[in-house]
Amino acid sequence: MELREIDLNLLVVFNELLRLRRVSAVAETLGTSQPAISNALNRLRKLLGDELFLRTSKGMVPTPFAENLAEPIGYALGAIHNTLNAQSVFEPATSARAFTIAMTDIGEIYFLPDLMKRLSEVAPGVTISTVRNHTVNLREEMESGRVDLAIGFMPDLKAGFFQRRLFRQRYVCLFRQGHPLAREGMTLKSFGSAEHVAIVAAGTGHSMVDEVIQRAGVPRQVRLHVPHFVAVGHILQTTDLIAVVPQAYAERTLKPFGLETAPCPVKIPDIVINVLWHARNNREPANQWLRQVVFEEFSR
């Protein structure tokens, strides 16, 4: 097959069907009719000799052949888009660029206050939106350019991505000031006898904490499970519960909530916090600028 045989618009339809999975949604996004999208899909099926998408109760599901095409087509379209819209320089002081960054709630607590302060000084027109890395298909969103950067512990983003380490961090035990453990010290015995709040943090690397503690054979009394970290400081402030949290989160909650930390008596591997970006944005000036700001502000 020669490239001259393929209409680039067909690949745009293919890419949007991968993302949205519904003909009606693609038609609305591209500003055309549903019959036009169906016609484009039929043309692409004939060209490639595959059904590409199958209708199911959950929408249009890609075939294995379509899934194999997803990454290279997404990358190629992104490269073409960036080339056609490329700027030789990025001027942060006058830019009104809107960036989207994927991070967890811990990331928002730790990174956003300092990042927004820095941007107000050097790029007052730039805006930031955040998305949770586990509530979107992060790989697809970054391949398509809808998410510019990801910050955090994200070991699943490998092929097609660049990353730069910001820092390593350990896990610590967190509890209120005046807690009996503040006087007695944190031992395996006291850790096992204390009542815990466990943070599920689905879709993030932090889920390994419970697995490591369980494999170590250390019993603990989990009194409360919560899906994220946002409320943990409030909970610990007024109870005798303890939590095992990343040190970056602990640093941001000690003073506002009157908390203390102690080394965790269970050996939990350190985690590496990275800033990650897709290869399609590697040379894009605005993306280069933002990740450099993040690195200067938070690397250690």
C-alpha atoms as a PDB file:
ATOM      1  CA  MET A   1       0.000   0.000   0.000  1.00  0.00           C
ATOM      2  CA  GLU A   2       1.255   3.481  -0.933  1.00  0.00           C
ATOM      3  CA  LEU A   3       0.684   6.585   1.180  1.00  0.00           C
ATOM      4  CA  ARG A   4      -0.991   8.308  -1.760  1.00  0.00           C
ATOM      5  CA  GLU A   5      -3.792   5.761  -1.456  1.00  0.00           C
ATOM      6  CA  ILE A   6      -4.769   6.937   2.038  1.00  0.00           C
ATOM      7  CA  ASP A   7      -6.735  10.052   2.868  1.00  0.00           C
ATOM      8  CA  LEU A   8      -5.235  11.554   6.037  1.00  0.00           C
ATOM      9  CA  ASN A   9      -8.757  12.352   7.264  1.00  0.00           C
ATOM     10  CA  LEU A  10      -9.440   8.619   7.497  1.00  0.00           C
ATOM     11  CA  LEU A  11      -6.620   8.280  10.027  1.00  0.00           C
ATOM     12  CA  VAL A  12      -8.036  11.194  12.014  1.00  0.00           C
ATOM     13  CA  VAL A  13     -11.383   9.362  12.174  1.00  0.00           C
ATOM     14  CA  PHE A  14      -9.576   6.169  13.191  1.00  0.00           C
ATOM     15  CA  ASN A  15      -7.735   7.981  15.988  1.00  0.00           C
ATOM     16  CA  GLU A  16     -10.912   9.577  17.335  1.00  0.00           C
ATOM     17  CA  LEU A  17     -12.798   6.262  17.245  1.00  0.00           C
ATOM     18  CA  LEU A  18     -10.028   4.743  19.332  1.00  0.00           C
ATOM     19  CA  ARG A  19     -10.494   7.506  21.869  1.00  0.00           C
ATOM     20  CA  LEU A  20     -14.266   7.970  21.952  1.00  0.00           C
ATOM     21  CA  ARG A  21     -15.526   4.535  20.861  1.00  0.00           C
ATOM     22  CA  ARG A  22     -18.811   5.963  19.499  1.00  0.00           C
ATOM     23  CA  VAL A  23     -19.597   7.139  15.963  1.00  0.00           C
ATOM     24  CA  SER A  24     -21.933   9.861  17.245  1.00  0.00           C
ATOM     25  CA  ALA A  25     -19.266  11.269  19.572  1.00  0.00           C
ATOM     26  CA  VAL A  26     -16.644  11.295  16.805  1.00  0.00           C
ATOM     27  CA  ALA A  27     -19.060  13.035  14.445  1.00  0.00           C
ATOM     28  CA  GLU A  28     -19.728  15.732  17.039  1.00  0.00           C
ATOM     29  CA  THR A  29     -16.025  16.194  17.794  1.00  0.00           C
ATOM     30  CA  LEU A  30     -15.059  16.492  14.117  1.00  0.00           C
ATOM     31  CA  GLY A  31     -18.070  18.624  13.224  1.00  0.00           C
ATOM     32  CA  THR A  32     -19.537  16.239  10.667  1.00  0.00           C
ATOM     33  CA  SER A  33     -22.398  13.739  10.357  1.00  0.00           C
ATOM     34  CA  GLN A  34     -22.629  10.168  11.618  1.00  0.00           C
ATOM     35  CA  PRO A  35     -23.080   8.807   8.059  1.00  0.00           C
ATOM     36  CA  ALA A  36     -19.861  10.592   7.056  1.00  0.00           C
ATOM     37  CA  ILE A  37     -17.982   8.899   9.900  1.00  0.00           C
ATOM     38  CA  SER A  38     -19.484   5.508   9.032  1.00  0.00           C
ATOM     39  CA  ASN A  39     -18.513   6.028   5.387  1.00  0.00           C
ATOM     40  CA  ALA A  40     -14.963   6.936   6.378  1.00  0.00           C
ATOM     41  CA  LEU A  41     -14.714   3.828   8.534  1.00  0.00           C
ATOM     42  CA  ASN A  42     -15.968   1.617   5.688  1.00  0.00           C
ATOM     43  CA  ARG A  43     -13.376   3.110   3.334  1.00  0.00           C
ATOM     44  CA  LEU A  44     -10.616   2.462   5.854  1.00  0.00           C
ATOM     45  CA  ARG A  45     -11.833  -1.126   6.384  1.00  0.00           C
ATOM     46  CA  LYS A  46     -11.550  -1.800   2.650  1.00  0.00           C
ATOM     47  CA  LEU A  47      -8.105  -0.219   2.434  1.00  0.00           C
ATOM     48  CA  LEU A  48      -6.683  -2.143   5.392  1.00  0.00           C
ATOM     49  CA  GLY A  49      -8.616  -5.401   4.981  1.00  0.00           C
ATOM     50  CA  ASP A  50      -9.810  -5.520   8.585  1.00  0.00           C
ATOM     51  CA  GLU A  51     -13.021  -4.681  10.460  1.00  0.00           C
ATOM     52  CA  LEU A  52     -10.989  -2.353  12.735  1.00  0.00           C
ATOM     53  CA  PHE A  53     -13.940  -1.689  15.108  1.00  0.00           C
ATOM     54  CA  LEU A  54     -16.750  -3.988  16.221  1.00  0.00           C
ATOM     55  CA  ARG A  55     -20.096  -2.723  17.511  1.00  0.00           C
ATOM     56  CA  THR A  56     -20.842  -3.855  21.082  1.00  0.00           C
ATOM     57  CA  SER A  57     -23.066  -2.706  23.916  1.00  0.00           C
ATOM     58  CA  LYS A  58     -20.056  -0.736  25.211  1.00  0.00           C
ATOM     59  CA  GLY A  59     -19.456   1.051  21.928  1.00  0.00           C
ATOM     60  CA  MET A  60     -17.017   0.464  19.091  1.00  0.00           C
ATOM     61  CA  VAL A  61     -14.342  -1.951  20.298  1.00  0.00           C
ATOM     62  CA  PRO A  62     -11.069  -2.059  18.321  1.00  0.00           C
ATOM     63  CA  THR A  63      -9.883  -5.324  16.811  1.00  0.00           C
ATOM     64  CA  PRO A  64      -6.374  -6.611  17.650  1.00  0.00           C
ATOM     65  CA  PHE A  65      -5.181  -5.231  14.302  1.00  0.00           C
ATOM     66  CA  ALA A  66      -6.555  -1.776  15.165  1.00  0.00           C
ATOM     67  CA  GLU A  67      -4.904  -1.885  18.577  1.00  0.00           C
ATOM     68  CA  ASN A  68      -1.558  -2.598  16.897  1.00  0.00           C
ATOM     69  CA  LEU A  69      -2.053   0.450  14.683  1.00  0.00           C
ATOM     70  CA  ALA A  70      -3.095   2.744  17.541  1.00  0.00           C
ATOM     71  CA  GLU A  71       0.283   3.885  18.818  1.00  0.00           C
ATOM     72  CA  PRO A  72       2.089   4.471  15.503  1.00  0.00           C
ATOM     73  CA  ILE A  73      -0.890   6.293  13.973  1.00  0.00           C
ATOM     74  CA  GLY A  74      -1.380   8.421  17.088  1.00  0.00           C
ATOM     75  CA  TYR A  75       2.316   9.271  17.132  1.00  0.00           C
ATOM     76  CA  ALA A  76       2.361  10.114  13.408  1.00  0.00           C
ATOM     77  CA  LEU A  77      -0.688  12.382  13.639  1.00  0.00           C
ATOM     78  CA  GLY A  78       0.787  14.090  16.686  1.00  0.00           C
ATOM     79  CA  ALA A  79       4.084  14.673  14.894  1.00  0.00           C
ATOM     80  CA  ILE A  80       2.294  16.160  11.876  1.00  0.00           C
ATOM     81  CA  HIS A  81       0.176  18.403  14.119  1.00  0.00           C
ATOM     82  CA  ASN A  82       3.213  19.641  16.044  1.00  0.00           C
ATOM     83  CA  THR A  83       5.166  20.296  12.858  1.00  0.00           C
ATOM     84  CA  LEU A  84       2.371  22.315  11.274  1.00  0.00           C
ATOM     85  CA  ASN A  85       1.800  24.315  14.466  1.00  0.00           C
ATOM     86  CA  ALA A  86       5.392  24.556  15.616  1.00  0.00           C
ATOM     87  CA  GLN A  87       6.783  27.766  17.024  1.00  0.00           C
ATOM     88  CA  SER A  88      10.498  28.382  16.971  1.00  0.00           C
ATOM     89  CA  VAL A  89      10.387  29.842  20.476  1.00  0.00           C
ATOM     90  CA  PHE A  90       8.032  29.903  23.426  1.00  0.00           C
ATOM     91  CA  GLU A  91       7.555  33.204  25.224  1.00  0.00           C
ATOM     92  CA  PRO A  92       6.210  32.383  28.711  1.00  0.00           C
ATOM     93  CA  ALA A  93       5.845  36.018  29.773  1.00  0.00           C
ATOM     94  CA  THR A  94       3.275  36.714  27.041  1.00  0.00           C
ATOM     95  CA  SER A  95       1.827  33.237  26.417  1.00  0.00           C
ATOM     96  CA  ALA A  96      -1.755  32.257  27.203  1.00  0.00           C
ATOM     97  CA  ARG A  97      -1.010  28.549  26.723  1.00  0.00           C
ATOM     98  CA  ALA A  98      -3.200  26.085  28.630  1.00  0.00           C
ATOM     99  CA  PHE A  99      -1.327  23.006  29.884  1.00  0.00           C
ATOM    100  CA  THR A 100      -2.774  19.778  31.245  1.00  0.00           C
ATOM    101  CA  ILE A 101      -0.775  17.750  33.771  1.00  0.00           C
ATOM    102  CA  ALA A 102      -1.609  14.289  35.084  1.00  0.00           C
ATOM    103  CA  MET A 103      -0.936  13.789  38.788  1.00  0.00           C
ATOM    104  CA  THR A 104      -2.425  12.218  41.890  1.00  0.00           C
ATOM    105  CA  ASP A 105      -4.038  14.092  44.764  1.00  0.00           C
ATOM    106  CA  ILE A 106      -0.685  13.922  46.562  1.00  0.00           C
ATOM    107  CA  GLY A 107       0.853  15.547  43.494  1.00  0.00           C
ATOM    108  CA  GLU A 108      -1.679  18.368  43.651  1.00  0.00           C
ATOM    109  CA  ILE A 109      -0.982  18.912  47.348  1.00  0.00           C
ATOM    110  CA  TYR A 110       2.792  18.804  46.955  1.00  0.00           C
ATOM    111  CA  PHE A 111       3.467  20.393  43.561  1.00  0.00           C
ATOM    112  CA  LEU A 112       0.703  22.865  42.749  1.00  0.00           C
ATOM    113  CA  PRO A 113       1.220  25.538  45.439  1.00  0.00           C
ATOM    114  CA  ASP A 114       4.860  26.133  44.502  1.00  0.00           C
ATOM    115  CA  LEU A 115       4.308  25.598  40.780  1.00  0.00           C
ATOM    116  CA  MET A 116       1.484  28.131  40.585  1.00  0.00           C
ATOM    117  CA  LYS A 117       3.501  30.651  42.577  1.00  0.00           C
ATOM    118  CA  ARG A 118       6.385  30.273  40.107  1.00  0.00           C
ATOM    119  CA  LEU A 119       4.093  30.581  37.092  1.00  0.00           C
ATOM    120  CA  SER A 120       2.499  33.744  38.474  1.00  0.00           C
ATOM    121  CA  GLU A 121       5.982  35.268  38.460  1.00  0.00           C
ATOM    122  CA  VAL A 122       7.273  34.139  35.061  1.00  0.00           C
ATOM    123  CA  ALA A 123       4.177  33.222  33.008  1.00  0.00           C
ATOM    124  CA  PRO A 124       1.097  35.057  34.339  1.00  0.00           C
ATOM    125  CA  GLY A 125      -1.060  34.151  31.325  1.00  0.00           C
ATOM    126  CA  VAL A 126      -0.342  30.416  31.421  1.00  0.00           C
ATOM    127  CA  THR A 127      -3.064  28.183  32.900  1.00  0.00           C
ATOM    128  CA  ILE A 128      -2.883  24.659  34.317  1.00  0.00           C
ATOM    129  CA  SER A 129      -5.473  21.888  34.433  1.00  0.00           C
ATOM    130  CA  THR A 130      -4.890  18.609  36.231  1.00  0.00           C
ATOM    131  CA  VAL A 131      -6.292  15.157  35.591  1.00  0.00           C
ATOM    132  CA  ARG A 132      -5.971  11.981  37.619  1.00  0.00           C
ATOM    133  CA  ASN A 133      -3.704   9.469  35.931  1.00  0.00           C
ATOM    134  CA  HIS A 134      -6.102   6.626  36.825  1.00  0.00           C
ATOM    135  CA  THR A 135      -9.349   8.245  35.623  1.00  0.00           C
ATOM    136  CA  VAL A 136      -8.220   8.625  31.992  1.00  0.00           C
ATOM    137  CA  ASN A 137      -6.315   6.388  29.619  1.00  0.00           C
ATOM    138  CA  LEU A 138      -3.126   8.287  30.296  1.00  0.00           C
ATOM    139  CA  ARG A 139      -1.094   6.664  27.521  1.00  0.00           C
ATOM    140  CA  GLU A 140      -3.694   7.600  24.891  1.00  0.00           C
ATOM    141  CA  GLU A 141      -4.192  11.089  26.308  1.00  0.00           C
ATOM    142  CA  MET A 142      -0.454  11.821  26.196  1.00  0.00           C
ATOM    143  CA  GLU A 143      -0.012  10.230  22.768  1.00  0.00           C
ATOM    144  CA  SER A 144      -2.753  12.488  21.421  1.00  0.00           C
ATOM    145  CA  GLY A 145      -1.346  15.601  23.099  1.00  0.00           C
ATOM    146  CA  ARG A 146      -4.342  16.203  25.340  1.00  0.00           C
ATOM    147  CA  VAL A 147      -2.108  15.724  28.399  1.00  0.00           C
ATOM    148  CA  ASP A 148       1.240  17.536  28.271  1.00  0.00           C
ATOM    149  CA  LEU A 149       3.075  16.098  31.273  1.00  0.00           C
ATOM    150  CA  ALA A 150       2.664  13.491  33.983  1.00  0.00           C
ATOM    151  CA  ILE A 151       4.280  13.892  37.390  1.00  0.00           C
ATOM    152  CA  GLY A 152       4.573  11.165  39.998  1.00  0.00           C
ATOM    153  CA  PHE A 153       5.333   7.497  40.465  1.00  0.00           C
ATOM    154  CA  MET A 154       4.117   5.958  37.198  1.00  0.00           C
ATOM    155  CA  PRO A 155       6.092   2.792  36.413  1.00  0.00           C
ATOM    156  CA  ASP A 156       3.694   1.731  33.635  1.00  0.00           C
ATOM    157  CA  LEU A 157       4.637   4.575  31.282  1.00  0.00           C
ATOM    158  CA  LYS A 158       7.643   3.230  29.408  1.00  0.00           C
ATOM    159  CA  ALA A 159       7.652   2.698  25.631  1.00  0.00           C
ATOM    160  CA  GLY A 160       7.263   5.966  23.761  1.00  0.00           C
ATOM    161  CA  PHE A 161       7.864   8.146  26.817  1.00  0.00           C
ATOM    162  CA  PHE A 162      10.734  10.184  28.169  1.00  0.00           C
ATOM    163  CA  GLN A 163      11.206  10.782  31.873  1.00  0.00           C
ATOM    164  CA  ARG A 164      13.410  12.801  34.195  1.00  0.00           C
ATOM    165  CA  ARG A 165      13.816  12.057  37.859  1.00  0.00           C
ATOM    166  CA  LEU A 166      12.807  14.729  40.335  1.00  0.00           C
ATOM    167  CA  PHE A 167      13.532  12.950  43.609  1.00  0.00           C
ATOM    168  CA  ARG A 168      13.352   9.726  45.545  1.00  0.00           C
ATOM    169  CA  GLN A 169      11.182   9.464  48.602  1.00  0.00           C
ATOM    170  CA  ARG A 170      10.547   7.031  51.390  1.00  0.00           C
ATOM    171  CA  TYR A 171       7.401   6.077  53.228  1.00  0.00           C
ATOM    172  CA  VAL A 172       6.869   7.256  56.796  1.00  0.00           C
ATOM    173  CA  CYS A 173       4.288   6.799  59.517  1.00  0.00           C
ATOM    174  CA  LEU A 174       2.092   9.821  60.133  1.00  0.00           C
ATOM    175  CA  PHE A 175       0.049  10.606  63.275  1.00  0.00           C
ATOM    176  CA  ARG A 176      -1.130  13.533  65.380  1.00  0.00           C
ATOM    177  CA  GLN A 177       1.032  15.454  67.813  1.00  0.00           C
ATOM    178  CA  GLY A 178       0.600  14.050  71.309  1.00  0.00           C
ATOM    179  CA  HIS A 179      -0.126  10.567  70.015  1.00  0.00           C
ATOM    180  CA  PRO A 180       1.131   7.870  72.438  1.00  0.00           C
ATOM    181  CA  LEU A 181       3.489   6.650  69.695  1.00  0.00           C
ATOM    182  CA  ALA A 182       5.214  10.032  69.699  1.00  0.00           C
ATOM    183  CA  ARG A 183       6.428   9.233  73.215  1.00  0.00           C
ATOM    184  CA  GLU A 184       6.888   5.477  72.992  1.00  0.00           C
ATOM    185  CA  GLY A 185       8.532   5.358  69.552  1.00  0.00           C
ATOM    186  CA  MET A 186       7.462   3.367  66.513  1.00  0.00           C
ATOM    187  CA  THR A 187       8.385  -0.320  66.666  1.00  0.00           C
ATOM    188  CA  LEU A 188       7.032  -3.301  64.773  1.00  0.00           C
ATOM    189  CA  LYS A 189       4.988  -4.193  67.838  1.00  0.00           C
ATOM    190  CA  SER A 190       3.489  -0.725  68.281  1.00  0.00           C
ATOM    191  CA  PHE A 191       2.935  -0.457  64.533  1.00  0.00           C
ATOM    192  CA  GLY A 192       0.957  -3.714  64.594  1.00  0.00           C
ATOM    193  CA  SER A 193      -1.096  -2.762  67.636  1.00  0.00           C
ATOM    194  CA  ALA A 194      -1.997   0.739  66.425  1.00  0.00           C
ATOM    195  CA  GLU A 195      -5.199   1.407  64.508  1.00  0.00           C
ATOM    196  CA  HIS A 196      -4.580   2.404  60.897  1.00  0.00           C
ATOM    197  CA  VAL A 197      -6.201   4.343  58.097  1.00  0.00           C
ATOM    198  CA  ALA A 198      -5.293   2.643  54.810  1.00  0.00           C
ATOM    199  CA  ILE A 199      -5.235   4.635  51.572  1.00  0.00           C
ATOM    200  CA  VAL A 200      -6.327   2.586  48.575  1.00  0.00           C
ATOM    201  CA  ALA A 201      -5.155   5.072  45.891  1.00  0.00           C
ATOM    202  CA  ALA A 202      -6.388   2.842  43.058  1.00  0.00           C
ATOM    203  CA  GLY A 203      -4.455   3.076  39.810  1.00  0.00           C
ATOM    204  CA  THR A 204      -1.294   4.483  41.399  1.00  0.00           C
ATOM    205  CA  GLY A 205       1.968   2.914  42.498  1.00  0.00           C
ATOM    206  CA  HIS A 206       1.050   3.489  46.143  1.00  0.00           C
ATOM    207  CA  SER A 207      -1.063   0.344  46.178  1.00  0.00           C
ATOM    208  CA  MET A 208       2.153  -1.589  46.797  1.00  0.00           C
ATOM    209  CA  VAL A 209       2.244  -0.415  50.435  1.00  0.00           C
ATOM    210  CA  ASP A 210      -0.434  -2.819  51.630  1.00  0.00           C
ATOM    211  CA  GLU A 211       1.137  -5.643  49.613  1.00  0.00           C
ATOM    212  CA  VAL A 212       4.591  -5.074  51.134  1.00  0.00           C
ATOM    213  CA  ILE A 213       3.240  -4.949  54.685  1.00  0.00           C
ATOM    214  CA  GLN A 214       1.212  -8.093  54.099  1.00  0.00           C
ATOM    215  CA  ARG A 215       4.173  -9.968  52.596  1.00  0.00           C
ATOM    216  CA  ALA A 216       6.290  -8.953  55.594  1.00  0.00           C
ATOM    217  CA  GLY A 217       3.816 -10.789  57.817  1.00  0.00           C
ATOM    218  CA  VAL A 218       3.225  -7.737  59.996  1.00  0.00           C
ATOM    219  CA  PRO A 219      -0.335  -7.686  61.343  1.00  0.00           C
ATOM    220  CA  ARG A 220      -2.095  -4.361  61.512  1.00  0.00           C
ATOM    221  CA  GLN A 221      -5.510  -3.181  62.518  1.00  0.00           C
ATOM    222  CA  VAL A 222      -7.003  -1.261  59.623  1.00  0.00           C
ATOM    223  CA  ARG A 223      -9.908   0.681  61.042  1.00  0.00           C
ATOM    224  CA  LEU A 224     -10.608   2.842  58.012  1.00  0.00           C
ATOM    225  CA  HIS A 225     -10.098   2.580  54.250  1.00  0.00           C
ATOM    226  CA  VAL A 226     -10.207   5.735  52.103  1.00  0.00           C
ATOM    227  CA  PRO A 227      -9.794   5.982  48.315  1.00  0.00           C
ATOM    228  CA  HIS A 228      -7.341   8.908  48.304  1.00  0.00           C
ATOM    229  CA  PHE A 229      -5.126  11.103  50.480  1.00  0.00           C
ATOM    230  CA  VAL A 230      -7.155  14.313  50.556  1.00  0.00           C
ATOM    231  CA  ALA A 231      -8.912  13.673  53.881  1.00  0.00           C
ATOM    232  CA  VAL A 232      -6.069  11.856  55.651  1.00  0.00           C
ATOM    233  CA  GLY A 233      -4.667  14.955  57.388  1.00  0.00           C
ATOM    234  CA  HIS A 234      -8.096  15.878  58.749  1.00  0.00           C
ATOM    235  CA  ILE A 235      -8.670  12.325  59.988  1.00  0.00           C
ATOM    236  CA  LEU A 236      -5.332  11.938  61.736  1.00  0.00           C
ATOM    237  CA  GLN A 237      -5.627  15.353  63.352  1.00  0.00           C
ATOM    238  CA  THR A 238      -8.537  14.312  65.553  1.00  0.00           C
ATOM    239  CA  THR A 239      -8.011  10.556  66.069  1.00  0.00           C
ATOM    240  CA  ASP A 240      -5.367   8.102  67.249  1.00  0.00           C
ATOM    241  CA  LEU A 241      -5.232   6.477  63.819  1.00  0.00           C
ATOM    242  CA  ILE A 242      -1.898   6.311  62.006  1.00  0.00           C
ATOM    243  CA  ALA A 243      -1.143   6.141  58.279  1.00  0.00           C
ATOM    244  CA  VAL A 244       1.763   5.059  56.090  1.00  0.00           C
ATOM    245  CA  VAL A 245       2.294   7.836  53.542  1.00  0.00           C
ATOM    246  CA  PRO A 246       4.950   9.151  51.144  1.00  0.00           C
ATOM    247  CA  GLN A 247       7.286  11.644  52.757  1.00  0.00           C
ATOM    248  CA  ALA A 248       6.296  14.360  50.261  1.00  0.00           C
ATOM    249  CA  TYR A 249       2.706  14.196  51.486  1.00  0.00           C
ATOM    250  CA  ALA A 250       3.841  14.210  55.125  1.00  0.00           C
ATOM    251  CA  GLU A 251       5.923  17.348  54.545  1.00  0.00           C
ATOM    252  CA  ARG A 252       2.858  19.256  53.370  1.00  0.00           C
ATOM    253  CA  THR A 253       0.596  18.147  56.238  1.00  0.00           C
ATOM    254  CA  LEU A 254       2.771  18.375  59.376  1.00  0.00           C
ATOM    255  CA  LYS A 255       2.252  22.055  60.099  1.00  0.00           C
ATOM    256  CA  PRO A 256      -1.331  22.621  58.811  1.00  0.00           C
ATOM    257  CA  PHE A 257      -2.722  19.616  60.689  1.00  0.00           C
ATOM    258  CA  GLY A 258      -0.394  19.409  63.692  1.00  0.00           C
ATOM    259  CA  LEU A 259       1.042  16.002  62.775  1.00  0.00           C
ATOM    260  CA  GLU A 260       4.298  14.136  63.387  1.00  0.00           C
ATOM    261  CA  THR A 261       6.191  11.448  61.506  1.00  0.00           C
ATOM    262  CA  ALA A 262       8.288   8.449  62.419  1.00  0.00           C
ATOM    263  CA  PRO A 263      10.269   6.020  60.265  1.00  0.00           C
ATOM    264  CA  CYS A 264       8.135   3.118  59.135  1.00  0.00           C
ATOM    265  CA  PRO A 265       9.329  -0.075  60.886  1.00  0.00           C
ATOM    266  CA  VAL A 266       8.355  -2.138  57.815  1.00  0.00           C
ATOM    267  CA  LYS A 267      10.888  -1.902  55.007  1.00  0.00           C
ATOM    268  CA  ILE A 268       8.997  -0.346  52.105  1.00  0.00           C
ATOM    269  CA  PRO A 269      10.986   0.386  48.919  1.00  0.00           C
ATOM    270  CA  ASP A 270      11.626   4.016  48.107  1.00  0.00           C
ATOM    271  CA  ILE A 271       9.745   5.350  45.117  1.00  0.00           C
ATOM    272  CA  VAL A 272      11.060   7.590  42.358  1.00  0.00           C
ATOM    273  CA  ILE A 273       9.026  10.651  41.426  1.00  0.00           C
ATOM    274  CA  ASN A 274       9.481  11.559  37.765  1.00  0.00           C
ATOM    275  CA  VAL A 275       8.237  14.104  35.292  1.00  0.00           C
ATOM    276  CA  LEU A 276       7.199  12.240  32.126  1.00  0.00           C
ATOM    277  CA  TRP A 277       6.275  13.336  28.620  1.00  0.00           C
ATOM    278  CA  HIS A 278       5.464  11.600  25.355  1.00  0.00           C
ATOM    279  CA  ALA A 279       8.016  11.448  22.546  1.00  0.00           C
ATOM    280  CA  ARG A 280       5.734  13.536  20.344  1.00  0.00           C
ATOM    281  CA  ASN A 281       6.325  16.521  22.661  1.00  0.00           C
ATOM    282  CA  ASN A 282      10.027  16.023  23.178  1.00  0.00           C
ATOM    283  CA  ARG A 283      11.045  18.979  20.988  1.00  0.00           C
ATOM    284  CA  GLU A 284       7.930  21.109  21.406  1.00  0.00           C
ATOM    285  CA  PRO A 285       9.143  24.457  22.866  1.00  0.00           C
ATOM    286  CA  ALA A 286       6.268  25.028  25.296  1.00  0.00           C
ATOM    287  CA  ASN A 287       6.499  21.500  26.652  1.00  0.00           C
ATOM    288  CA  GLN A 288      10.269  21.826  26.999  1.00  0.00           C
ATOM    289  CA  TRP A 289       9.811  25.049  28.959  1.00  0.00           C
ATOM    290  CA  LEU A 290       7.198  23.646  31.348  1.00  0.00           C
ATOM    291  CA  ARG A 291       9.131  20.512  32.216  1.00  0.00           C
ATOM    292  CA  GLN A 292      12.268  22.598  32.791  1.00  0.00           C
ATOM    293  CA  VAL A 293      10.299  24.790  35.219  1.00  0.00           C
ATOM    294  CA  VAL A 294       9.101  21.666  37.037  1.00  0.00           C
ATOM    295  CA  PHE A 295      12.624  20.272  37.198  1.00  0.00           C
ATOM    296  CA  GLU A 296      14.162  23.520  38.480  1.00  0.00           C
ATOM    297  CA  GLU A 297      11.462  23.907  41.104  1.00  0.00           C
ATOM    298  CA  PHE A 298      11.288  20.360  42.470  1.00  0.00           C
ATOM    299  CA  SER A 299      14.384  18.318  41.635  1.00  0.00           C
ATOM    300  CA  ARG A 300      16.613  17.394  44.519  1.00  0.00           C
END
